[in-house]
Amino acid sequence: MGQIVRVSCEKCDKSEELYIGGGFSDCNFETVISGMSNLQKDNLWEAKHLGAVRFSINRVPCICQSCNSFYTANKVSYILEGEKKIIWSRCPSCSSFKKKVISADNKSVCTVCGQPIKVEEIGLWD
């Protein structure tokens, strides 16, 4: 079960509702690769054919360090040859990989103004 959170910076007057965490279907390989770039899909298919196991996805709240937007990054993890591998999705606004994970303990700061980013749970999803 995942959470729906509102992340906001009061000083910059920006706010976003994000779906984070994961659901039951996120352990299904087809679900894991949906919405990824073609290159990432190809790399994951290759890893699967090389014997990778335990594919899962976790949606993580982030702030893009390039365009400063709040977004949900997909963190795909799997095990290949006994080693845990992680692939992150890009920012949906500008396609950058530069991000900072927003912590739920309200200790993350805005990349624009340096003020704390507020995180509040507003619901659940599955």
C-alpha atoms as a PDB file:
ATOM      1  CA  MET A   1       0.000   0.000   0.000  1.00  0.00           C
ATOM      2  CA  GLY A   2       1.295   3.442  -0.898  1.00  0.00           C
ATOM      3  CA  GLN A   3       0.729   6.901   0.493  1.00  0.00           C
ATOM      4  CA  ILE A   4      -0.578  10.051  -1.103  1.00  0.00           C
ATOM      5  CA  VAL A   5       1.405  13.020   0.190  1.00  0.00           C
ATOM      6  CA  ARG A   6       1.354  16.747  -0.369  1.00  0.00           C
ATOM      7  CA  VAL A   7       4.836  18.249  -0.601  1.00  0.00           C
ATOM      8  CA  SER A   8       5.100  22.002  -0.443  1.00  0.00           C
ATOM      9  CA  CYS A   9       7.395  24.961  -0.030  1.00  0.00           C
ATOM     10  CA  GLU A  10       5.479  27.806   1.572  1.00  0.00           C
ATOM     11  CA  LYS A  11       8.073  30.456   0.678  1.00  0.00           C
ATOM     12  CA  CYS A  12       8.073  29.532  -3.048  1.00  0.00           C
ATOM     13  CA  ASP A  13       4.301  28.979  -2.939  1.00  0.00           C
ATOM     14  CA  LYS A  14       4.513  25.640  -4.724  1.00  0.00           C
ATOM     15  CA  SER A  15       2.846  22.383  -3.852  1.00  0.00           C
ATOM     16  CA  GLU A  16       2.352  18.970  -5.428  1.00  0.00           C
ATOM     17  CA  GLU A  17       0.289  15.878  -4.602  1.00  0.00           C
ATOM     18  CA  LEU A  18       2.434  12.747  -5.034  1.00  0.00           C
ATOM     19  CA  TYR A  19       1.688   9.028  -4.959  1.00  0.00           C
ATOM     20  CA  ILE A  20       4.604   7.344  -3.200  1.00  0.00           C
ATOM     21  CA  GLY A  21       5.480   3.877  -1.944  1.00  0.00           C
ATOM     22  CA  GLY A  22       4.317   0.830  -3.809  1.00  0.00           C
ATOM     23  CA  GLY A  23       1.395  -1.445  -4.433  1.00  0.00           C
ATOM     24  CA  PHE A  24       1.016  -5.187  -4.842  1.00  0.00           C
ATOM     25  CA  SER A  25       1.254  -5.041  -8.637  1.00  0.00           C
ATOM     26  CA  ASP A  26       4.615  -3.246  -8.432  1.00  0.00           C
ATOM     27  CA  CYS A  27       6.340  -6.611  -8.011  1.00  0.00           C
ATOM     28  CA  ASN A  28       5.159  -7.606 -11.520  1.00  0.00           C
ATOM     29  CA  PHE A  29       7.867  -7.119 -14.185  1.00  0.00           C
ATOM     30  CA  GLU A  30       5.453  -5.659 -16.760  1.00  0.00           C
ATOM     31  CA  THR A  31       4.319  -3.065 -14.222  1.00  0.00           C
ATOM     32  CA  VAL A  32       7.918  -2.277 -13.282  1.00  0.00           C
ATOM     33  CA  ILE A  33       8.922  -1.403 -16.868  1.00  0.00           C
ATOM     34  CA  SER A  34       5.791   0.541 -17.777  1.00  0.00           C
ATOM     35  CA  GLY A  35       6.482   4.239 -18.176  1.00  0.00           C
ATOM     36  CA  MET A  36      10.259   3.802 -18.509  1.00  0.00           C
ATOM     37  CA  SER A  37      12.402   4.982 -21.415  1.00  0.00           C
ATOM     38  CA  ASN A  38      13.136   2.487 -24.186  1.00  0.00           C
ATOM     39  CA  LEU A  39      16.786   2.292 -23.136  1.00  0.00           C
ATOM     40  CA  GLN A  40      15.845   1.530 -19.525  1.00  0.00           C
ATOM     41  CA  LYS A  41      13.345  -1.105 -20.705  1.00  0.00           C
ATOM     42  CA  ASP A  42      16.011  -2.721 -22.877  1.00  0.00           C
ATOM     43  CA  ASN A  43      18.481  -2.746 -19.987  1.00  0.00           C
ATOM     44  CA  LEU A  44      15.949  -4.313 -17.623  1.00  0.00           C
ATOM     45  CA  TRP A  45      14.934  -6.958 -20.188  1.00  0.00           C
ATOM     46  CA  GLU A  46      18.619  -7.805 -20.633  1.00  0.00           C
ATOM     47  CA  ALA A  47      19.085  -8.056 -16.854  1.00  0.00           C
ATOM     48  CA  LYS A  48      16.045 -10.328 -16.642  1.00  0.00           C
ATOM     49  CA  HIS A  49      17.436 -12.613 -19.344  1.00  0.00           C
ATOM     50  CA  LEU A  50      20.772 -12.698 -17.496  1.00  0.00           C
ATOM     51  CA  GLY A  51      18.954 -14.092 -14.445  1.00  0.00           C
ATOM     52  CA  ALA A  52      17.971 -10.985 -12.463  1.00  0.00           C
ATOM     53  CA  VAL A  53      15.264 -11.596  -9.862  1.00  0.00           C
ATOM     54  CA  ARG A  54      13.103  -9.748  -7.323  1.00  0.00           C
ATOM     55  CA  PHE A  55      12.130  -6.817  -9.522  1.00  0.00           C
ATOM     56  CA  SER A  56      10.205  -4.200  -7.562  1.00  0.00           C
ATOM     57  CA  ILE A  57       9.351  -0.557  -7.777  1.00  0.00           C
ATOM     58  CA  ASN A  58       9.108   2.060  -5.070  1.00  0.00           C
ATOM     59  CA  ARG A  59       7.807   5.540  -5.809  1.00  0.00           C
ATOM     60  CA  VAL A  60       9.856   8.186  -3.997  1.00  0.00           C
ATOM     61  CA  PRO A  61       9.131  11.916  -3.532  1.00  0.00           C
ATOM     62  CA  CYS A  62      11.860  14.075  -5.105  1.00  0.00           C
ATOM     63  CA  ILE A  63      12.727  17.610  -6.092  1.00  0.00           C
ATOM     64  CA  CYS A  64      14.498  18.068  -9.414  1.00  0.00           C
ATOM     65  CA  GLN A  65      17.779  19.945  -9.102  1.00  0.00           C
ATOM     66  CA  SER A  66      17.512  21.146 -12.708  1.00  0.00           C
ATOM     67  CA  CYS A  67      13.962  22.542 -12.955  1.00  0.00           C
ATOM     68  CA  ASN A  68      13.033  22.543  -9.213  1.00  0.00           C
ATOM     69  CA  SER A  69       9.763  20.659  -9.692  1.00  0.00           C
ATOM     70  CA  PHE A  70       8.390  18.185  -7.159  1.00  0.00           C
ATOM     71  CA  TYR A  71       7.775  14.740  -8.646  1.00  0.00           C
ATOM     72  CA  THR A  72       7.517  11.048  -7.890  1.00  0.00           C
ATOM     73  CA  ALA A  73      10.644   9.187  -9.006  1.00  0.00           C
ATOM     74  CA  ASN A  74      10.396   5.492  -9.757  1.00  0.00           C
ATOM     75  CA  LYS A  75      13.135   3.564  -7.977  1.00  0.00           C
ATOM     76  CA  VAL A  76      13.390   0.145  -9.635  1.00  0.00           C
ATOM     77  CA  SER A  77      15.447  -2.452  -7.786  1.00  0.00           C
ATOM     78  CA  TYR A  78      16.432  -6.024  -8.602  1.00  0.00           C
ATOM     79  CA  ILE A  79      19.058  -8.633  -7.756  1.00  0.00           C
ATOM     80  CA  LEU A  80      21.585  -9.726 -10.409  1.00  0.00           C
ATOM     81  CA  GLU A  81      24.390 -12.169  -9.613  1.00  0.00           C
ATOM     82  CA  GLY A  82      23.794 -11.648  -5.896  1.00  0.00           C
ATOM     83  CA  GLU A  83      24.119  -7.858  -6.102  1.00  0.00           C
ATOM     84  CA  LYS A  84      21.294  -5.361  -5.611  1.00  0.00           C
ATOM     85  CA  LYS A  85      20.907  -2.970  -8.561  1.00  0.00           C
ATOM     86  CA  ILE A  86      18.861   0.244  -8.634  1.00  0.00           C
ATOM     87  CA  ILE A  87      17.599   2.306 -11.573  1.00  0.00           C
ATOM     88  CA  TRP A  88      15.944   5.704 -11.096  1.00  0.00           C
ATOM     89  CA  SER A  89      13.508   7.385 -13.463  1.00  0.00           C
ATOM     90  CA  ARG A  90      14.060  10.874 -14.837  1.00  0.00           C
ATOM     91  CA  CYS A  91      12.189  14.054 -13.942  1.00  0.00           C
ATOM     92  CA  PRO A  92       8.977  14.061 -16.016  1.00  0.00           C
ATOM     93  CA  SER A  93       9.235  17.840 -16.562  1.00  0.00           C
ATOM     94  CA  CYS A  94      12.804  18.209 -17.860  1.00  0.00           C
ATOM     95  CA  SER A  95      14.161  14.609 -18.155  1.00  0.00           C
ATOM     96  CA  SER A  96      17.024  15.289 -15.739  1.00  0.00           C
ATOM     97  CA  PHE A  97      18.428  12.570 -13.483  1.00  0.00           C
ATOM     98  CA  LYS A  98      19.584  15.236 -10.972  1.00  0.00           C
ATOM     99  CA  LYS A  99      17.311  14.958  -7.976  1.00  0.00           C
ATOM    100  CA  LYS A 100      17.157  15.107  -4.222  1.00  0.00           C
ATOM    101  CA  VAL A 101      14.946  12.668  -2.368  1.00  0.00           C
ATOM    102  CA  ILE A 102      12.452  14.444  -0.119  1.00  0.00           C
ATOM    103  CA  SER A 103      12.464  12.873   3.328  1.00  0.00           C
ATOM    104  CA  ALA A 104       9.225  12.266   5.193  1.00  0.00           C
ATOM    105  CA  ASP A 105      10.684  13.743   8.396  1.00  0.00           C
ATOM    106  CA  ASN A 106      10.321  17.304   7.004  1.00  0.00           C
ATOM    107  CA  LYS A 107      14.104  17.857   7.031  1.00  0.00           C
ATOM    108  CA  SER A 108      14.499  18.316   3.266  1.00  0.00           C
ATOM    109  CA  VAL A 109      15.002  21.831   1.939  1.00  0.00           C
ATOM    110  CA  CYS A 110      13.838  23.553  -1.233  1.00  0.00           C
ATOM    111  CA  THR A 111      16.526  23.807  -3.930  1.00  0.00           C
ATOM    112  CA  VAL A 112      15.288  27.322  -4.813  1.00  0.00           C
ATOM    113  CA  CYS A 113      14.990  29.117  -1.465  1.00  0.00           C
ATOM    114  CA  GLY A 114      16.569  26.753   1.087  1.00  0.00           C
ATOM    115  CA  GLN A 115      13.448  26.644   3.257  1.00  0.00           C
ATOM    116  CA  PRO A 116      12.105  23.348   4.663  1.00  0.00           C
ATOM    117  CA  ILE A 117       9.857  21.276   2.397  1.00  0.00           C
ATOM    118  CA  LYS A 118       6.696  20.225   4.194  1.00  0.00           C
ATOM    119  CA  VAL A 119       5.456  16.654   3.676  1.00  0.00           C
ATOM    120  CA  GLU A 120       1.987  15.667   4.862  1.00  0.00           C
ATOM    121  CA  GLU A 121       0.093  12.422   4.296  1.00  0.00           C
ATOM    122  CA  ILE A 122      -3.313  13.038   2.754  1.00  0.00           C
ATOM    123  CA  GLY A 123      -4.373   9.511   1.786  1.00  0.00           C
ATOM    124  CA  LEU A 124      -3.514   5.951   0.765  1.00  0.00           C
ATOM    125  CA  TRP A 125      -3.495   4.100  -2.569  1.00  0.00           C
ATOM    126  CA  ASP A 126      -2.995   0.527  -3.762  1.00  0.00           C
END
